[in-house]
Amino acid sequence: MQVTVTVFFKSGILDPESQAVLQAIHNLGERQVHNLIQKRQFVLDVMTHDAADALAIGERLGRDLLANPVMQRFEVSLKDQ
């Protein structure tokens, strides 16, 4: 079963990399773009047929390893197969 953990900065946390990309977009003449949010995705192949177990593993890994709880938040989802 595939579990996706998506990690991104909390609201109000500065993201210099996203700001640099947004500036590059503006330098290319695309003035309609006013915000950019960068997210990282981790796709985990979990050896279980129980959706609740798979989600619990994703939650635990997101909380304990993949996201910095001071600056980031995360979302966990299952991929339909």
N, C-alpha and C. Protein backbone atom coordinates (compact mmCIF):
# COMPACT_ATOMS: atom_id res chain seq x y z
N MET A 1 0.85 -1.17 0.00
CA MET A 1 0.00 0.00 0.00
C MET A 1 0.90 1.23 0.00
N GLN A 2 0.58 2.21 -0.83
CA GLN A 2 1.40 3.42 -0.89
C GLN A 2 0.81 4.52 -0.03
N VAL A 3 1.69 5.11 0.78
CA VAL A 3 1.34 6.23 1.64
C VAL A 3 2.17 7.42 1.19
N THR A 4 1.53 8.57 1.06
CA THR A 4 2.24 9.79 0.70
C THR A 4 2.24 10.73 1.90
N VAL A 5 3.43 11.20 2.25
CA VAL A 5 3.59 12.20 3.31
C VAL A 5 4.07 13.47 2.61
N THR A 6 3.26 14.53 2.69
CA THR A 6 3.58 15.81 2.07
C THR A 6 3.96 16.79 3.17
N VAL A 7 5.15 17.37 3.06
CA VAL A 7 5.70 18.26 4.08
C VAL A 7 5.83 19.66 3.49
N PHE A 8 5.38 20.67 4.26
CA PHE A 8 5.52 22.05 3.81
C PHE A 8 5.60 22.97 5.02
N PHE A 9 6.08 24.19 4.77
CA PHE A 9 6.26 25.15 5.85
C PHE A 9 4.92 25.61 6.42
N LYS A 10 4.90 25.86 7.71
CA LYS A 10 3.73 26.44 8.36
C LYS A 10 3.54 27.87 7.86
N SER A 11 2.32 28.36 7.97
CA SER A 11 2.01 29.73 7.60
C SER A 11 2.87 30.68 8.43
N GLY A 12 3.43 31.67 7.79
CA GLY A 12 4.24 32.66 8.49
C GLY A 12 5.72 32.34 8.54
N ILE A 13 6.12 31.14 8.16
CA ILE A 13 7.54 30.77 8.14
C ILE A 13 8.13 31.19 6.79
N LEU A 14 9.23 31.92 6.83
CA LEU A 14 9.87 32.36 5.59
C LEU A 14 10.52 31.17 4.88
N ASP A 15 10.34 31.14 3.57
CA ASP A 15 10.92 30.09 2.73
C ASP A 15 11.74 30.77 1.64
N PRO A 16 13.04 31.00 1.89
CA PRO A 16 13.85 31.74 0.93
C PRO A 16 13.94 31.07 -0.45
N GLU A 17 13.93 29.75 -0.48
CA GLU A 17 14.01 29.07 -1.78
C GLU A 17 12.77 29.36 -2.63
N SER A 18 11.60 29.30 -2.01
CA SER A 18 10.36 29.62 -2.75
C SER A 18 10.34 31.07 -3.18
N GLN A 19 10.84 31.96 -2.33
CA GLN A 19 10.89 33.37 -2.70
C GLN A 19 11.83 33.60 -3.88
N ALA A 20 12.95 32.88 -3.92
CA ALA A 20 13.88 33.00 -5.04
C ALA A 20 13.24 32.50 -6.34
N VAL A 21 12.51 31.41 -6.26
CA VAL A 21 11.82 30.88 -7.45
C VAL A 21 10.75 31.86 -7.90
N LEU A 22 10.00 32.43 -6.96
CA LEU A 22 8.97 33.41 -7.30
C LEU A 22 9.60 34.62 -7.98
N GLN A 23 10.74 35.06 -7.48
CA GLN A 23 11.43 36.19 -8.12
C GLN A 23 11.85 35.83 -9.53
N ALA A 24 12.34 34.60 -9.74
CA ALA A 24 12.74 34.16 -11.09
C ALA A 24 11.53 34.13 -12.02
N ILE A 25 10.38 33.70 -11.50
CA ILE A 25 9.15 33.71 -12.31
C ILE A 25 8.82 35.13 -12.73
N HIS A 26 8.93 36.07 -11.80
CA HIS A 26 8.66 37.48 -12.13
C HIS A 26 9.68 38.00 -13.14
N ASN A 27 10.95 37.58 -13.00
CA ASN A 27 11.98 38.01 -13.95
C ASN A 27 11.71 37.50 -15.35
N LEU A 28 10.98 36.38 -15.46
CA LEU A 28 10.59 35.86 -16.77
C LEU A 28 9.36 36.57 -17.33
N GLY A 29 8.84 37.52 -16.59
CA GLY A 29 7.71 38.31 -17.07
C GLY A 29 6.36 37.81 -16.63
N GLU A 30 6.31 36.78 -15.83
CA GLU A 30 5.03 36.23 -15.36
C GLU A 30 4.61 36.97 -14.09
N ARG A 31 3.94 38.09 -14.27
CA ARG A 31 3.53 38.93 -13.14
C ARG A 31 2.23 38.48 -12.48
N GLN A 32 1.52 37.55 -13.10
CA GLN A 32 0.25 37.09 -12.54
C GLN A 32 0.46 36.18 -11.33
N VAL A 33 1.64 35.62 -11.18
CA VAL A 33 1.91 34.70 -10.07
C VAL A 33 2.29 35.53 -8.85
N HIS A 34 1.51 35.40 -7.78
CA HIS A 34 1.74 36.22 -6.59
C HIS A 34 2.21 35.42 -5.38
N ASN A 35 2.14 34.11 -5.45
CA ASN A 35 2.57 33.30 -4.31
C ASN A 35 3.02 31.94 -4.84
N LEU A 36 3.93 31.33 -4.10
CA LEU A 36 4.44 30.03 -4.47
C LEU A 36 4.69 29.25 -3.19
N ILE A 37 4.18 28.04 -3.12
CA ILE A 37 4.39 27.19 -1.96
C ILE A 37 5.12 25.94 -2.42
N GLN A 38 6.24 25.68 -1.79
CA GLN A 38 7.02 24.50 -2.12
C GLN A 38 6.64 23.38 -1.14
N LYS A 39 6.44 22.19 -1.69
CA LYS A 39 6.11 21.02 -0.86
C LYS A 39 7.05 19.89 -1.23
N ARG A 40 7.36 19.06 -0.25
CA ARG A 40 8.13 17.85 -0.51
C ARG A 40 7.22 16.66 -0.28
N GLN A 41 7.30 15.69 -1.15
CA GLN A 41 6.50 14.48 -1.00
C GLN A 41 7.39 13.28 -0.82
N PHE A 42 7.00 12.46 0.12
CA PHE A 42 7.66 11.18 0.36
C PHE A 42 6.61 10.10 0.09
N VAL A 43 6.90 9.20 -0.83
CA VAL A 43 5.97 8.12 -1.16
C VAL A 43 6.56 6.84 -0.57
N LEU A 44 5.81 6.24 0.34
CA LEU A 44 6.26 5.07 1.07
C LEU A 44 5.49 3.84 0.61
N ASP A 45 6.19 2.77 0.31
CA ASP A 45 5.54 1.49 0.04
C ASP A 45 5.49 0.73 1.37
N VAL A 46 4.31 0.63 1.93
CA VAL A 46 4.12 0.01 3.25
C VAL A 46 3.54 -1.39 3.05
N MET A 47 4.16 -2.36 3.64
CA MET A 47 3.75 -3.76 3.47
C MET A 47 2.62 -4.10 4.44
N THR A 48 1.42 -3.63 4.10
CA THR A 48 0.23 -3.95 4.86
C THR A 48 -0.98 -3.81 3.95
N HIS A 49 -2.05 -4.49 4.30
CA HIS A 49 -3.31 -4.35 3.57
C HIS A 49 -4.32 -3.57 4.39
N ASP A 50 -3.91 -3.10 5.56
CA ASP A 50 -4.78 -2.36 6.47
C ASP A 50 -4.52 -0.86 6.30
N ALA A 51 -5.50 -0.13 5.79
CA ALA A 51 -5.34 1.30 5.54
C ALA A 51 -5.03 2.07 6.81
N ALA A 52 -5.67 1.71 7.91
CA ALA A 52 -5.42 2.42 9.17
C ALA A 52 -3.98 2.24 9.63
N ASP A 53 -3.44 1.03 9.47
CA ASP A 53 -2.03 0.79 9.83
C ASP A 53 -1.09 1.61 8.95
N ALA A 54 -1.37 1.63 7.66
CA ALA A 54 -0.52 2.37 6.73
C ALA A 54 -0.54 3.86 7.06
N LEU A 55 -1.72 4.41 7.33
CA LEU A 55 -1.81 5.82 7.68
C LEU A 55 -1.10 6.11 9.00
N ALA A 56 -1.21 5.21 9.95
CA ALA A 56 -0.54 5.40 11.25
C ALA A 56 0.97 5.43 11.07
N ILE A 57 1.50 4.58 10.20
CA ILE A 57 2.94 4.58 9.93
C ILE A 57 3.34 5.91 9.30
N GLY A 58 2.57 6.37 8.32
CA GLY A 58 2.86 7.66 7.68
C GLY A 58 2.81 8.81 8.67
N GLU A 59 1.82 8.81 9.56
CA GLU A 59 1.70 9.85 10.59
C GLU A 59 2.92 9.84 11.50
N ARG A 60 3.30 8.66 11.95
CA ARG A 60 4.44 8.54 12.87
C ARG A 60 5.73 9.02 12.20
N LEU A 61 5.96 8.60 10.95
CA LEU A 61 7.17 9.02 10.26
C LEU A 61 7.17 10.52 9.95
N GLY A 62 6.01 11.05 9.60
CA GLY A 62 5.91 12.49 9.38
C GLY A 62 6.24 13.27 10.63
N ARG A 63 5.68 12.84 11.75
CA ARG A 63 5.87 13.53 13.03
C ARG A 63 7.29 13.37 13.56
N ASP A 64 7.84 12.15 13.48
CA ASP A 64 9.11 11.86 14.14
C ASP A 64 10.35 12.02 13.27
N LEU A 65 10.18 12.06 11.94
CA LEU A 65 11.35 12.05 11.07
C LEU A 65 11.29 13.04 9.91
N LEU A 66 10.20 13.08 9.19
CA LEU A 66 10.17 13.78 7.91
C LEU A 66 9.91 15.28 8.01
N ALA A 67 9.22 15.73 9.05
CA ALA A 67 8.90 17.15 9.21
C ALA A 67 9.52 17.69 10.49
N ASN A 68 9.94 18.94 10.41
CA ASN A 68 10.41 19.66 11.59
C ASN A 68 9.19 20.32 12.21
N PRO A 69 8.71 19.86 13.37
CA PRO A 69 7.46 20.36 13.92
C PRO A 69 7.47 21.84 14.29
N VAL A 70 8.63 22.43 14.43
CA VAL A 70 8.72 23.86 14.76
C VAL A 70 8.35 24.70 13.54
N MET A 71 8.79 24.27 12.36
CA MET A 71 8.62 25.08 11.15
C MET A 71 7.70 24.48 10.10
N GLN A 72 7.44 23.19 10.19
CA GLN A 72 6.72 22.52 9.11
C GLN A 72 5.50 21.78 9.62
N ARG A 73 4.61 21.54 8.70
CA ARG A 73 3.49 20.64 8.97
C ARG A 73 3.45 19.61 7.85
N PHE A 74 2.62 18.59 8.03
CA PHE A 74 2.58 17.54 7.02
C PHE A 74 1.18 16.99 6.91
N GLU A 75 0.93 16.36 5.77
CA GLU A 75 -0.33 15.68 5.51
C GLU A 75 -0.01 14.27 5.03
N VAL A 76 -0.84 13.32 5.43
CA VAL A 76 -0.65 11.92 5.06
C VAL A 76 -1.87 11.46 4.27
N SER A 77 -1.62 10.75 3.18
CA SER A 77 -2.73 10.22 2.39
C SER A 77 -2.35 8.86 1.82
N LEU A 78 -3.38 8.11 1.46
CA LEU A 78 -3.19 6.81 0.80
C LEU A 78 -3.37 6.99 -0.69
N LYS A 79 -2.59 6.27 -1.45
CA LYS A 79 -2.76 6.24 -2.89
C LYS A 79 -3.67 5.07 -3.23
N ASP A 80 -4.73 5.37 -3.99
CA ASP A 80 -5.63 4.31 -4.43
C ASP A 80 -4.91 3.41 -5.41
N GLN A 81 -5.07 2.11 -5.20
CA GLN A 81 -4.41 1.15 -6.11
C GLN A 81 -5.42 0.26 -6.77
